[in-house]
Amino acid sequence: MWAAIKARLRRSKETPPPPTGNPPSSAPSSTGTAAISPAENPEYFTEGFLGTRLKEARLEDVLDDLEIALLESDVALPVVERLRRDIKKQLAGRKLRWGVEVEEAVKGTLEASIRSILSQPPLDLAAVIRAQQPKPYVVLFVGVNGTGKTTTVAKLAGVLRDQGLGVAIAAGDTFRAGAIEQLLVHGERLGIKVVRQQEGSDPAAVAFDAVQHARARGLDVVLVDTAGRQHTNENLVEEAKKIRRVVAPQLTLFVGDALSGNDVVEQATRFQEALGVDGLVLTKLDADVKGGAALSTTFVTKKPILFMGVGQGYADLRPFDAEWMVRRLFAEGEAA
C-alpha cells in the first residue's frame, strides 16, 4: 500500500503548481527530487504565527493524491475519509518542507491511524473454550462460496487440537457433497471426528448431532461448517439463522477472501446485518499486496480480525497480528 501512496505523492511533487515569480537561478528543477523551500516557491507555503507551513490548497492536493492511492489499494471510502481527516489534522499548521518531510509526515500519521484501526484486544480462544460451561463451546462459520471456509474450519480444528482441546466438526455444508468429503479427509488426517449426514440433509440437524456427540464424550468445542451462501440469498440466510437458533453458538466467524477487495467488505457487512458476527477470518492475507481488505472490513463492521490465513498448511491459520499487517502495508518497494 505504501509503495503506491509514495509513488503518487512523488508524482505530485514532480508537477508542482506554477510559481508566482521567477525562482532564483540556483533553485532546483521542478522535476527533480530535492525538497522545495518556501523561498523557492511561495505557492506551496504561507507564513503564520507557527512559522512557515503548507498552504491549505497544497495540503488538499496531498490529500487528494492520498485518497486516490488508498482507493486503488482497495481501501473502502469510509476508511479513506477517516485517514484523510487524520492526515489533515496532523499536517495542518506544521512547518514542513515539500518533499521528503511531507512524505515522512504522511507515512508516520498513516501508520499510527492504521495501527489504531487494526489493533484489537487479543482473544485467547483456547482459554475461552476451556472456561466454557457447560461444554461444548460452539463456533459457527459463515461466508460466501469459494473463500476457503471449509479449509479454515479444518485449520482451526488442528490449531485447537494442538492446544490440547477435544474437538468435533459438524459438516453442515450438506448441499455440496465435496464439502463433506473434504472435511472427512481433513478429519482423518487430524484425528478429529467429523459428524455428518447424507447430502441434502438439514444442516441444523447435523450441527445439533455434533453438539450432542461432543457433550456425550466430554469434548471442548464444536466447529460448525455451513454452506457458502451469497448474502443476497434469503433462503440460505434463513437456514443459517436456523442453525444459530438450534445450537446457539458462542462465536460466529465470518470467513472472507482478502483478495476479493471491497467485495469482502460488502459481504461481511451483509452477514453482520443478517446474522450477526463476532469476528472475522481473512484468508489469503499473505497474497494480498494491497492490504485494503483487512483495514476496510474491520473498520466498517466494527468487528476484530481474529485469524488470518497465510498459506495452505494446517499451521498457516494464525491469530491476527496487527503489527505484521502494518509492516506489510508499509514495506518499502516500488508500486506495482
C-alpha atoms as a PDB file:
ATOM      1  CA  MET A   1       0.000   0.000   0.000  1.00  0.00           C
ATOM      2  CA  TRP A   2       2.674   2.497   0.996  1.00  0.00           C
ATOM      3  CA  ALA A   3       4.564   1.926  -2.248  1.00  0.00           C
ATOM      4  CA  ALA A   4       1.511   3.084  -4.221  1.00  0.00           C
ATOM      5  CA  ILE A   5       0.936   6.078  -1.942  1.00  0.00           C
ATOM      6  CA  LYS A   6       4.586   7.140  -2.070  1.00  0.00           C
ATOM      7  CA  ALA A   7       4.674   6.858  -5.855  1.00  0.00           C
ATOM      8  CA  ARG A   8       1.626   9.105  -6.176  1.00  0.00           C
ATOM      9  CA  LEU A   9       2.992  11.668  -3.736  1.00  0.00           C
ATOM     10  CA  ARG A  10       6.244  11.792  -5.659  1.00  0.00           C
ATOM     11  CA  ARG A  11       4.420  12.221  -8.966  1.00  0.00           C
ATOM     12  CA  SER A  12       2.582  15.098  -7.368  1.00  0.00           C
ATOM     13  CA  LYS A  13       5.882  16.633  -6.247  1.00  0.00           C
ATOM     14  CA  GLU A  14       7.241  16.399  -9.786  1.00  0.00           C
ATOM     15  CA  THR A  15       4.347  18.504 -11.137  1.00  0.00           C
ATOM     16  CA  PRO A  16       4.089  21.460  -8.733  1.00  0.00           C
ATOM     17  CA  PRO A  17       1.864  24.481  -9.314  1.00  0.00           C
ATOM     18  CA  PRO A  18       3.496  27.337 -11.266  1.00  0.00           C
ATOM     19  CA  PRO A  19       5.434  29.836  -9.135  1.00  0.00           C
ATOM     20  CA  THR A  20       4.172  33.389  -8.787  1.00  0.00           C
ATOM     21  CA  GLY A  21       7.557  34.875  -9.583  1.00  0.00           C
ATOM     22  CA  ASN A  22      10.860  33.982 -11.136  1.00  0.00           C
ATOM     23  CA  PRO A  23      12.697  31.489  -8.900  1.00  0.00           C
ATOM     24  CA  PRO A  24      16.358  32.064  -8.140  1.00  0.00           C
ATOM     25  CA  SER A  25      18.741  30.624 -10.688  1.00  0.00           C
ATOM     26  CA  SER A  26      20.031  28.205  -8.046  1.00  0.00           C
ATOM     27  CA  ALA A  27      16.567  26.723  -7.445  1.00  0.00           C
ATOM     28  CA  PRO A  28      16.251  23.021  -8.250  1.00  0.00           C
ATOM     29  CA  SER A  29      14.225  21.906 -11.245  1.00  0.00           C
ATOM     30  CA  SER A  30      10.542  21.180 -10.601  1.00  0.00           C
ATOM     31  CA  THR A  31      11.168  17.720 -11.952  1.00  0.00           C
ATOM     32  CA  GLY A  32      13.977  16.974  -9.508  1.00  0.00           C
ATOM     33  CA  THR A  33      13.727  15.176  -6.197  1.00  0.00           C
ATOM     34  CA  ALA A  34      15.107  17.886  -3.870  1.00  0.00           C
ATOM     35  CA  ALA A  35      12.753  19.401  -1.309  1.00  0.00           C
ATOM     36  CA  ILE A  36      11.298  22.774  -2.280  1.00  0.00           C
ATOM     37  CA  SER A  37      11.786  25.593   0.207  1.00  0.00           C
ATOM     38  CA  PRO A  38       9.367  28.465   0.859  1.00  0.00           C
ATOM     39  CA  ALA A  39      11.712  30.948  -0.798  1.00  0.00           C
ATOM     40  CA  GLU A  40      11.863  28.823  -3.932  1.00  0.00           C
ATOM     41  CA  ASN A  41       8.116  28.509  -4.428  1.00  0.00           C
ATOM     42  CA  PRO A  42       5.669  30.583  -2.386  1.00  0.00           C
ATOM     43  CA  GLU A  43       2.716  28.779  -3.978  1.00  0.00           C
ATOM     44  CA  TYR A  44       3.329  25.904  -1.550  1.00  0.00           C
ATOM     45  CA  PHE A  45       3.759  27.836   1.678  1.00  0.00           C
ATOM     46  CA  THR A  46       2.403  30.615   3.819  1.00  0.00           C
ATOM     47  CA  GLU A  47       3.795  32.431   6.816  1.00  0.00           C
ATOM     48  CA  GLY A  48       1.867  32.411  10.047  1.00  0.00           C
ATOM     49  CA  PHE A  49       2.199  32.535  13.809  1.00  0.00           C
ATOM     50  CA  LEU A  50       3.598  28.994  13.801  1.00  0.00           C
ATOM     51  CA  GLY A  51       6.119  29.758  11.088  1.00  0.00           C
ATOM     52  CA  THR A  52       6.289  28.514   7.509  1.00  0.00           C
ATOM     53  CA  ARG A  53       3.653  25.894   6.761  1.00  0.00           C
ATOM     54  CA  LEU A  54       1.966  24.217   3.824  1.00  0.00           C
ATOM     55  CA  LYS A  55      -0.833  26.216   2.276  1.00  0.00           C
ATOM     56  CA  GLU A  56      -4.319  24.823   2.660  1.00  0.00           C
ATOM     57  CA  ALA A  57      -4.715  24.366  -1.108  1.00  0.00           C
ATOM     58  CA  ARG A  58      -1.471  22.416  -1.362  1.00  0.00           C
ATOM     59  CA  LEU A  59      -2.427  20.265   1.609  1.00  0.00           C
ATOM     60  CA  GLU A  60      -5.662  19.427  -0.196  1.00  0.00           C
ATOM     61  CA  ASP A  61      -3.583  18.345  -3.211  1.00  0.00           C
ATOM     62  CA  VAL A  62      -1.648  15.982  -0.961  1.00  0.00           C
ATOM     63  CA  LEU A  63      -4.879  14.593   0.482  1.00  0.00           C
ATOM     64  CA  ASP A  64      -6.416  14.141  -2.962  1.00  0.00           C
ATOM     65  CA  ASP A  65      -3.409  12.116  -4.099  1.00  0.00           C
ATOM     66  CA  LEU A  66      -3.552  10.112  -0.886  1.00  0.00           C
ATOM     67  CA  GLU A  67      -7.242   9.373  -1.419  1.00  0.00           C
ATOM     68  CA  ILE A  68      -6.702   8.076  -4.951  1.00  0.00           C
ATOM     69  CA  ALA A  69      -3.838   5.816  -3.851  1.00  0.00           C
ATOM     70  CA  LEU A  70      -5.885   4.411  -0.963  1.00  0.00           C
ATOM     71  CA  LEU A  71      -8.910   3.715  -3.160  1.00  0.00           C
ATOM     72  CA  GLU A  72      -6.655   1.958  -5.666  1.00  0.00           C
ATOM     73  CA  SER A  73      -5.411  -0.201  -2.766  1.00  0.00           C
ATOM     74  CA  ASP A  74      -8.972  -1.455  -2.051  1.00  0.00           C
ATOM     75  CA  VAL A  75      -9.454   0.783   0.969  1.00  0.00           C
ATOM     76  CA  ALA A  76     -13.166   1.483   1.436  1.00  0.00           C
ATOM     77  CA  LEU A  77     -14.363   5.075   1.264  1.00  0.00           C
ATOM     78  CA  PRO A  78     -15.307   5.375   4.975  1.00  0.00           C
ATOM     79  CA  VAL A  79     -11.741   4.361   5.885  1.00  0.00           C
ATOM     80  CA  VAL A  80     -10.282   6.780   3.334  1.00  0.00           C
ATOM     81  CA  GLU A  81     -12.300   9.595   4.878  1.00  0.00           C
ATOM     82  CA  ARG A  82     -11.085   8.696   8.365  1.00  0.00           C
ATOM     83  CA  LEU A  83      -7.435   8.563   7.243  1.00  0.00           C
ATOM     84  CA  ARG A  84      -7.785  11.788   5.310  1.00  0.00           C
ATOM     85  CA  ARG A  85      -9.094  13.560   8.423  1.00  0.00           C
ATOM     86  CA  ASP A  86      -6.196  12.200  10.479  1.00  0.00           C
ATOM     87  CA  ILE A  87      -3.618  13.373   7.942  1.00  0.00           C
ATOM     88  CA  LYS A  88      -5.170  16.833   7.656  1.00  0.00           C
ATOM     89  CA  LYS A  89      -5.241  17.221  11.424  1.00  0.00           C
ATOM     90  CA  GLN A  90      -1.568  16.309  11.699  1.00  0.00           C
ATOM     91  CA  LEU A  91      -0.223  18.279   8.727  1.00  0.00           C
ATOM     92  CA  ALA A  92      -2.251  21.476   9.020  1.00  0.00           C
ATOM     93  CA  GLY A  93      -0.105  24.157  10.581  1.00  0.00           C
ATOM     94  CA  ARG A  94       3.054  22.062  10.681  1.00  0.00           C
ATOM     95  CA  LYS A  95       6.314  23.505   9.469  1.00  0.00           C
ATOM     96  CA  LEU A  96       7.291  21.143   6.688  1.00  0.00           C
ATOM     97  CA  ARG A  97       9.301  21.372   3.504  1.00  0.00           C
ATOM     98  CA  TRP A  98       7.560  19.944   0.452  1.00  0.00           C
ATOM     99  CA  GLY A  99       9.164  16.656  -0.464  1.00  0.00           C
ATOM    100  CA  VAL A 100      10.757  14.258   1.976  1.00  0.00           C
ATOM    101  CA  GLU A 101       9.387  15.934   5.093  1.00  0.00           C
ATOM    102  CA  VAL A 102       5.802  15.817   3.847  1.00  0.00           C
ATOM    103  CA  GLU A 103       6.268  12.213   2.738  1.00  0.00           C
ATOM    104  CA  GLU A 104       7.596  11.192   6.139  1.00  0.00           C
ATOM    105  CA  ALA A 105       4.819  13.064   7.948  1.00  0.00           C
ATOM    106  CA  VAL A 106       2.166  11.371   5.822  1.00  0.00           C
ATOM    107  CA  LYS A 107       3.722   7.964   6.420  1.00  0.00           C
ATOM    108  CA  GLY A 108       4.007   8.434  10.175  1.00  0.00           C
ATOM    109  CA  THR A 109       0.419   9.596  10.554  1.00  0.00           C
ATOM    110  CA  LEU A 110      -0.909   6.836   8.299  1.00  0.00           C
ATOM    111  CA  GLU A 111       0.947   4.176  10.255  1.00  0.00           C
ATOM    112  CA  ALA A 112      -0.453   5.421  13.548  1.00  0.00           C
ATOM    113  CA  SER A 113      -4.009   5.663  12.194  1.00  0.00           C
ATOM    114  CA  ILE A 114      -3.972   2.237  10.539  1.00  0.00           C
ATOM    115  CA  ARG A 115      -2.440   0.638  13.628  1.00  0.00           C
ATOM    116  CA  SER A 116      -5.244   2.071  15.758  1.00  0.00           C
ATOM    117  CA  ILE A 117      -7.876   0.656  13.374  1.00  0.00           C
ATOM    118  CA  LEU A 118      -6.326  -2.811  13.164  1.00  0.00           C
ATOM    119  CA  SER A 119      -5.306  -3.222  16.792  1.00  0.00           C
ATOM    120  CA  GLN A 120      -7.809  -5.125  18.906  1.00  0.00           C
ATOM    121  CA  PRO A 121      -7.547  -6.785  22.307  1.00  0.00           C
ATOM    122  CA  PRO A 122      -6.187 -10.307  21.691  1.00  0.00           C
ATOM    123  CA  LEU A 123      -8.548 -13.266  22.037  1.00  0.00           C
ATOM    124  CA  ASP A 124      -7.141 -16.378  23.673  1.00  0.00           C
ATOM    125  CA  LEU A 125      -9.720 -18.672  22.116  1.00  0.00           C
ATOM    126  CA  ALA A 126      -8.325 -21.804  23.745  1.00  0.00           C
ATOM    127  CA  ALA A 127      -8.655 -20.220  27.199  1.00  0.00           C
ATOM    128  CA  VAL A 128     -12.192 -19.062  26.447  1.00  0.00           C
ATOM    129  CA  ILE A 129     -13.137 -22.563  25.308  1.00  0.00           C
ATOM    130  CA  ARG A 130     -11.654 -24.163  28.426  1.00  0.00           C
ATOM    131  CA  ALA A 131     -13.672 -21.799  30.603  1.00  0.00           C
ATOM    132  CA  GLN A 132     -16.948 -22.616  28.849  1.00  0.00           C
ATOM    133  CA  GLN A 133     -19.558 -24.329  30.999  1.00  0.00           C
ATOM    134  CA  PRO A 134     -21.490 -26.327  30.090  1.00  0.00           C
ATOM    135  CA  LYS A 135     -19.430 -27.771  27.280  1.00  0.00           C
ATOM    136  CA  PRO A 136     -19.105 -27.749  24.329  1.00  0.00           C
ATOM    137  CA  TYR A 137     -18.203 -24.291  23.088  1.00  0.00           C
ATOM    138  CA  VAL A 138     -19.716 -23.865  19.600  1.00  0.00           C
ATOM    139  CA  VAL A 139     -18.149 -21.889  16.764  1.00  0.00           C
ATOM    140  CA  LEU A 140     -20.243 -21.214  13.648  1.00  0.00           C
ATOM    141  CA  PHE A 141     -18.555 -20.333  10.351  1.00  0.00           C
ATOM    142  CA  VAL A 142     -20.367 -18.288   7.680  1.00  0.00           C
ATOM    143  CA  GLY A 143     -19.348 -16.719   4.379  1.00  0.00           C
ATOM    144  CA  VAL A 144     -19.826 -16.834   0.623  1.00  0.00           C
ATOM    145  CA  ASN A 145     -18.688 -19.573  -1.737  1.00  0.00           C
ATOM    146  CA  GLY A 146     -15.036 -20.022  -2.530  1.00  0.00           C
ATOM    147  CA  THR A 147     -13.462 -18.134   0.378  1.00  0.00           C
ATOM    148  CA  GLY A 148     -11.735 -21.147   1.952  1.00  0.00           C
ATOM    149  CA  LYS A 149     -14.276 -21.528   4.741  1.00  0.00           C
ATOM    150  CA  THR A 150     -14.242 -25.324   4.917  1.00  0.00           C
ATOM    151  CA  THR A 151     -10.442 -25.404   4.885  1.00  0.00           C
ATOM    152  CA  THR A 152     -10.413 -22.745   7.607  1.00  0.00           C
ATOM    153  CA  VAL A 153     -12.641 -24.945   9.771  1.00  0.00           C
ATOM    154  CA  ALA A 154     -10.135 -27.787   9.437  1.00  0.00           C
ATOM    155  CA  LYS A 155      -7.186 -25.497  10.143  1.00  0.00           C
ATOM    156  CA  LEU A 156      -8.745 -24.121  13.312  1.00  0.00           C
ATOM    157  CA  ALA A 157      -9.619 -27.662  14.396  1.00  0.00           C
ATOM    158  CA  GLY A 158      -5.959 -28.579  14.063  1.00  0.00           C
ATOM    159  CA  VAL A 159      -4.832 -25.491  15.975  1.00  0.00           C
ATOM    160  CA  LEU A 160      -7.197 -26.191  18.869  1.00  0.00           C
ATOM    161  CA  ARG A 161      -6.325 -29.896  18.929  1.00  0.00           C
ATOM    162  CA  ASP A 162      -2.646 -28.966  19.207  1.00  0.00           C
ATOM    163  CA  GLN A 163      -3.547 -26.861  22.251  1.00  0.00           C
ATOM    164  CA  GLY A 164      -4.928 -29.941  23.981  1.00  0.00           C
ATOM    165  CA  LEU A 165      -8.628 -29.412  23.334  1.00  0.00           C
ATOM    166  CA  GLY A 166     -11.163 -32.050  22.352  1.00  0.00           C
ATOM    167  CA  VAL A 167     -12.652 -31.030  19.001  1.00  0.00           C
ATOM    168  CA  ALA A 168     -15.548 -32.187  16.811  1.00  0.00           C
ATOM    169  CA  ILE A 169     -16.511 -30.832  13.391  1.00  0.00           C
ATOM    170  CA  ALA A 170     -20.057 -30.557  12.040  1.00  0.00           C
ATOM    171  CA  ALA A 171     -20.202 -30.985   8.252  1.00  0.00           C
ATOM    172  CA  GLY A 172     -23.044 -28.509   7.834  1.00  0.00           C
ATOM    173  CA  ASP A 173     -22.486 -27.844   4.146  1.00  0.00           C
ATOM    174  CA  THR A 174     -24.928 -30.547   3.092  1.00  0.00           C
ATOM    175  CA  PHE A 175     -25.604 -29.005  -0.314  1.00  0.00           C
ATOM    176  CA  ARG A 176     -22.168 -29.890  -1.597  1.00  0.00           C
ATOM    177  CA  ALA A 177     -21.022 -33.489  -1.328  1.00  0.00           C
ATOM    178  CA  GLY A 178     -17.488 -32.346  -1.995  1.00  0.00           C
ATOM    179  CA  ALA A 179     -17.504 -30.277   1.202  1.00  0.00           C
ATOM    180  CA  ILE A 180     -18.458 -33.308   3.296  1.00  0.00           C
ATOM    181  CA  GLU A 181     -15.761 -35.430   1.686  1.00  0.00           C
ATOM    182  CA  GLN A 182     -13.251 -32.623   2.102  1.00  0.00           C
ATOM    183  CA  LEU A 183     -13.918 -32.443   5.840  1.00  0.00           C
ATOM    184  CA  LEU A 184     -13.778 -36.231   6.183  1.00  0.00           C
ATOM    185  CA  VAL A 185     -10.304 -36.209   4.651  1.00  0.00           C
ATOM    186  CA  HIS A 186      -9.199 -33.418   6.974  1.00  0.00           C
ATOM    187  CA  GLY A 187     -10.733 -35.197   9.962  1.00  0.00           C
ATOM    188  CA  GLU A 188      -8.878 -38.403   9.159  1.00  0.00           C
ATOM    189  CA  ARG A 189      -5.579 -36.550   8.809  1.00  0.00           C
ATOM    190  CA  LEU A 190      -6.100 -34.644  12.042  1.00  0.00           C
ATOM    191  CA  GLY A 191      -7.641 -37.454  14.037  1.00  0.00           C
ATOM    192  CA  ILE A 192     -10.793 -35.406  14.646  1.00  0.00           C
ATOM    193  CA  LYS A 193     -14.374 -36.673  14.482  1.00  0.00           C
ATOM    194  CA  VAL A 194     -16.474 -35.233  11.659  1.00  0.00           C
ATOM    195  CA  VAL A 195     -20.216 -35.516  12.297  1.00  0.00           C
ATOM    196  CA  ARG A 196     -22.168 -35.728   9.052  1.00  0.00           C
ATOM    197  CA  GLN A 197     -25.386 -36.832   7.431  1.00  0.00           C
ATOM    198  CA  GLN A 198     -26.320 -37.517   3.849  1.00  0.00           C
ATOM    199  CA  GLU A 199     -26.075 -34.862   1.181  1.00  0.00           C
ATOM    200  CA  GLY A 200     -29.191 -32.683   1.277  1.00  0.00           C
ATOM    201  CA  SER A 201     -29.822 -33.247   4.985  1.00  0.00           C
ATOM    202  CA  ASP A 202     -30.908 -30.443   7.300  1.00  0.00           C
ATOM    203  CA  PRO A 203     -27.710 -28.576   8.295  1.00  0.00           C
ATOM    204  CA  ALA A 204     -29.242 -27.594  11.630  1.00  0.00           C
ATOM    205  CA  ALA A 205     -29.776 -31.279  12.415  1.00  0.00           C
ATOM    206  CA  VAL A 206     -26.125 -32.005  11.600  1.00  0.00           C
ATOM    207  CA  ALA A 207     -24.999 -29.216  13.913  1.00  0.00           C
ATOM    208  CA  PHE A 208     -27.304 -30.483  16.657  1.00  0.00           C
ATOM    209  CA  ASP A 209     -25.937 -34.032  16.313  1.00  0.00           C
ATOM    210  CA  ALA A 210     -22.381 -32.725  16.535  1.00  0.00           C
ATOM    211  CA  VAL A 211     -23.139 -30.844  19.753  1.00  0.00           C
ATOM    212  CA  GLN A 212     -24.790 -33.931  21.247  1.00  0.00           C
ATOM    213  CA  HIS A 213     -21.798 -36.053  20.220  1.00  0.00           C
ATOM    214  CA  ALA A 214     -19.376 -33.601  21.852  1.00  0.00           C
ATOM    215  CA  ARG A 215     -21.454 -33.361  25.008  1.00  0.00           C
ATOM    216  CA  ALA A 216     -21.660 -37.150  25.383  1.00  0.00           C
ATOM    217  CA  ARG A 217     -17.893 -37.517  25.012  1.00  0.00           C
ATOM    218  CA  GLY A 218     -16.849 -34.505  27.043  1.00  0.00           C
ATOM    219  CA  LEU A 219     -15.322 -32.671  24.089  1.00  0.00           C
ATOM    220  CA  ASP A 220     -14.493 -28.998  24.451  1.00  0.00           C
ATOM    221  CA  VAL A 221     -15.521 -27.428  21.171  1.00  0.00           C
ATOM    222  CA  VAL A 222     -17.636 -27.984  18.060  1.00  0.00           C
ATOM    223  CA  LEU A 223     -16.792 -26.213  14.814  1.00  0.00           C
ATOM    224  CA  VAL A 224     -19.798 -25.914  12.521  1.00  0.00           C
ATOM    225  CA  ASP A 225     -19.177 -25.567   8.793  1.00  0.00           C
ATOM    226  CA  THR A 226     -22.027 -24.173   6.685  1.00  0.00           C
ATOM    227  CA  ALA A 227     -22.814 -23.942   3.003  1.00  0.00           C
ATOM    228  CA  GLY A 228     -21.212 -20.996   1.272  1.00  0.00           C
ATOM    229  CA  ARG A 229     -24.060 -18.624   0.661  1.00  0.00           C
ATOM    230  CA  GLN A 230     -24.404 -15.332  -1.105  1.00  0.00           C
ATOM    231  CA  HIS A 231     -25.594 -12.688   1.324  1.00  0.00           C
ATOM    232  CA  THR A 232     -28.445 -11.909  -1.102  1.00  0.00           C
ATOM    233  CA  ASN A 233     -29.826 -15.488  -0.992  1.00  0.00           C
ATOM    234  CA  GLU A 234     -32.630 -15.170   1.546  1.00  0.00           C
ATOM    235  CA  ASN A 235     -33.343 -18.907   1.782  1.00  0.00           C
ATOM    236  CA  LEU A 236     -29.777 -19.786   2.673  1.00  0.00           C
ATOM    237  CA  VAL A 237     -29.534 -16.895   5.110  1.00  0.00           C
ATOM    238  CA  GLU A 238     -32.688 -18.166   6.831  1.00  0.00           C
ATOM    239  CA  GLU A 239     -31.077 -21.589   7.016  1.00  0.00           C
ATOM    240  CA  ALA A 240     -28.060 -20.098   8.773  1.00  0.00           C
ATOM    241  CA  LYS A 241     -30.399 -18.369  11.203  1.00  0.00           C
ATOM    242  CA  LYS A 242     -31.992 -21.746  11.960  1.00  0.00           C
ATOM    243  CA  ILE A 243     -28.583 -23.245  12.742  1.00  0.00           C
ATOM    244  CA  ARG A 244     -27.949 -20.385  15.144  1.00  0.00           C
ATOM    245  CA  ARG A 245     -31.271 -20.998  16.891  1.00  0.00           C
ATOM    246  CA  VAL A 246     -30.636 -24.725  17.216  1.00  0.00           C
ATOM    247  CA  VAL A 247     -27.056 -24.733  18.529  1.00  0.00           C
ATOM    248  CA  ALA A 248     -26.729 -21.199  19.973  1.00  0.00           C
ATOM    249  CA  PRO A 249     -23.053 -20.697  19.039  1.00  0.00           C
ATOM    250  CA  GLN A 250     -20.850 -18.782  21.422  1.00  0.00           C
ATOM    251  CA  LEU A 251     -18.818 -17.441  18.496  1.00  0.00           C
ATOM    252  CA  THR A 252     -19.849 -16.710  14.897  1.00  0.00           C
ATOM    253  CA  LEU A 253     -16.997 -16.104  12.472  1.00  0.00           C
ATOM    254  CA  PHE A 254     -17.265 -14.577   9.017  1.00  0.00           C
ATOM    255  CA  VAL A 255     -14.660 -16.023   6.634  1.00  0.00           C
ATOM    256  CA  GLY A 256     -13.672 -13.778   3.731  1.00  0.00           C
ATOM    257  CA  ASP A 257     -11.095 -13.829   0.945  1.00  0.00           C
ATOM    258  CA  ALA A 258      -8.698 -10.894   1.302  1.00  0.00           C
ATOM    259  CA  LEU A 259      -8.052 -10.933  -2.448  1.00  0.00           C
ATOM    260  CA  SER A 260     -11.661 -10.024  -3.205  1.00  0.00           C
ATOM    261  CA  GLY A 261     -11.011  -6.418  -2.187  1.00  0.00           C
ATOM    262  CA  ASN A 262     -14.056  -4.290  -1.487  1.00  0.00           C
ATOM    263  CA  ASP A 263     -16.367  -7.238  -2.188  1.00  0.00           C
ATOM    264  CA  VAL A 264     -15.339  -8.784   1.128  1.00  0.00           C
ATOM    265  CA  VAL A 265     -16.363  -5.578   2.909  1.00  0.00           C
ATOM    266  CA  GLU A 266     -19.830  -5.761   1.356  1.00  0.00           C
ATOM    267  CA  GLN A 267     -20.130  -9.455   2.186  1.00  0.00           C
ATOM    268  CA  ALA A 268     -19.098  -9.014   5.805  1.00  0.00           C
ATOM    269  CA  THR A 269     -21.463  -6.076   6.240  1.00  0.00           C
ATOM    270  CA  ARG A 270     -24.433  -8.050   4.888  1.00  0.00           C
ATOM    271  CA  PHE A 271     -23.702 -11.087   7.056  1.00  0.00           C
ATOM    272  CA  GLN A 272     -23.331  -8.842  10.065  1.00  0.00           C
ATOM    273  CA  GLU A 273     -26.723  -7.293   9.371  1.00  0.00           C
ATOM    274  CA  ALA A 274     -28.485 -10.613   8.654  1.00  0.00           C
ATOM    275  CA  LEU A 275     -26.891 -12.932  11.214  1.00  0.00           C
ATOM    276  CA  GLY A 276     -24.588 -11.015  13.475  1.00  0.00           C
ATOM    277  CA  VAL A 277     -20.912 -11.946  13.537  1.00  0.00           C
ATOM    278  CA  ASP A 278     -18.446 -11.767  16.405  1.00  0.00           C
ATOM    279  CA  GLY A 279     -15.210 -11.780  14.489  1.00  0.00           C
ATOM    280  CA  LEU A 280     -13.538 -12.049  11.099  1.00  0.00           C
ATOM    281  CA  VAL A 281     -11.192 -14.550   9.475  1.00  0.00           C
ATOM    282  CA  LEU A 282      -9.402 -13.356   6.336  1.00  0.00           C
ATOM    283  CA  THR A 283      -7.891 -15.984   4.069  1.00  0.00           C
ATOM    284  CA  LYS A 284      -5.043 -15.466   1.561  1.00  0.00           C
ATOM    285  CA  LEU A 285      -3.859 -12.458   3.525  1.00  0.00           C
ATOM    286  CA  ASP A 286      -0.260 -13.300   2.664  1.00  0.00           C
ATOM    287  CA  ALA A 287      -1.062 -12.829  -1.032  1.00  0.00           C
ATOM    288  CA  ASP A 288      -2.899  -9.513  -0.633  1.00  0.00           C
ATOM    289  CA  VAL A 289      -0.326  -6.954  -1.745  1.00  0.00           C
ATOM    290  CA  LYS A 290      -2.777  -4.050  -1.483  1.00  0.00           C
ATOM    291  CA  GLY A 291      -3.945  -4.652   2.070  1.00  0.00           C
ATOM    292  CA  GLY A 292      -7.144  -2.647   1.866  1.00  0.00           C
ATOM    293  CA  ALA A 293      -9.470  -5.570   2.583  1.00  0.00           C
ATOM    294  CA  ALA A 294      -8.218  -6.169   6.119  1.00  0.00           C
ATOM    295  CA  LEU A 295      -8.292  -2.492   7.011  1.00  0.00           C
ATOM    296  CA  SER A 296     -11.704  -1.858   5.488  1.00  0.00           C
ATOM    297  CA  THR A 297     -13.504  -4.954   6.760  1.00  0.00           C
ATOM    298  CA  THR A 298     -12.669  -4.444  10.410  1.00  0.00           C
ATOM    299  CA  PHE A 299     -13.320  -0.685  10.233  1.00  0.00           C
ATOM    300  CA  VAL A 300     -16.701  -0.951   8.518  1.00  0.00           C
ATOM    301  CA  THR A 301     -18.057  -3.902  10.534  1.00  0.00           C
ATOM    302  CA  LYS A 302     -16.511  -2.777  13.835  1.00  0.00           C
ATOM    303  CA  LYS A 303     -15.527  -6.428  14.374  1.00  0.00           C
ATOM    304  CA  PRO A 304     -11.997  -7.672  15.071  1.00  0.00           C
ATOM    305  CA  ILE A 305      -9.980  -9.829  12.707  1.00  0.00           C
ATOM    306  CA  LEU A 306      -9.333 -12.882  14.894  1.00  0.00           C
ATOM    307  CA  PHE A 307      -7.453 -15.134  12.483  1.00  0.00           C
ATOM    308  CA  MET A 308      -5.594 -14.792   9.215  1.00  0.00           C
ATOM    309  CA  GLY A 309      -4.812 -17.401   6.578  1.00  0.00           C
ATOM    310  CA  VAL A 310      -1.235 -17.117   5.327  1.00  0.00           C
ATOM    311  CA  GLY A 311      -0.735 -20.415   3.488  1.00  0.00           C
ATOM    312  CA  GLN A 312      -2.131 -23.835   2.702  1.00  0.00           C
ATOM    313  CA  GLY A 313      -0.873 -25.860   5.676  1.00  0.00           C
ATOM    314  CA  TYR A 314      -2.729 -26.530   8.913  1.00  0.00           C
ATOM    315  CA  ALA A 315      -0.253 -24.309  10.762  1.00  0.00           C
ATOM    316  CA  ASP A 316      -0.927 -21.428   8.367  1.00  0.00           C
ATOM    317  CA  LEU A 317      -4.000 -20.189  10.219  1.00  0.00           C
ATOM    318  CA  ARG A 318      -2.660 -17.730  12.763  1.00  0.00           C
ATOM    319  CA  PRO A 319      -4.047 -15.240  15.256  1.00  0.00           C
ATOM    320  CA  PHE A 320      -4.262 -11.877  13.561  1.00  0.00           C
ATOM    321  CA  ASP A 321      -1.192  -9.739  14.182  1.00  0.00           C
ATOM    322  CA  ALA A 322      -1.763  -6.017  13.614  1.00  0.00           C
ATOM    323  CA  GLU A 323       1.967  -5.253  13.655  1.00  0.00           C
ATOM    324  CA  TRP A 324       2.600  -7.899  10.989  1.00  0.00           C
ATOM    325  CA  MET A 325      -0.083  -6.279   8.854  1.00  0.00           C
ATOM    326  CA  VAL A 326       1.287  -2.755   9.344  1.00  0.00           C
ATOM    327  CA  ARG A 327       4.782  -3.908   8.387  1.00  0.00           C
ATOM    328  CA  ARG A 328       3.421  -5.416   5.175  1.00  0.00           C
ATOM    329  CA  LEU A 329       1.427  -2.304   4.314  1.00  0.00           C
ATOM    330  CA  PHE A 330       4.426  -0.022   4.785  1.00  0.00           C
ATOM    331  CA  ALA A 331       7.149  -2.245   3.363  1.00  0.00           C
ATOM    332  CA  GLU A 332       9.412  -0.222   1.131  1.00  0.00           C
ATOM    333  CA  GLY A 333       9.336  -1.018  -2.556  1.00  0.00           C
ATOM    334  CA  GLU A 334       8.116   0.240  -5.851  1.00  0.00           C
ATOM    335  CA  ALA A 335       4.422   0.379  -6.617  1.00  0.00           C
ATOM    336  CA  ALA A 336       3.212  -2.289  -8.965  1.00  0.00           C
END
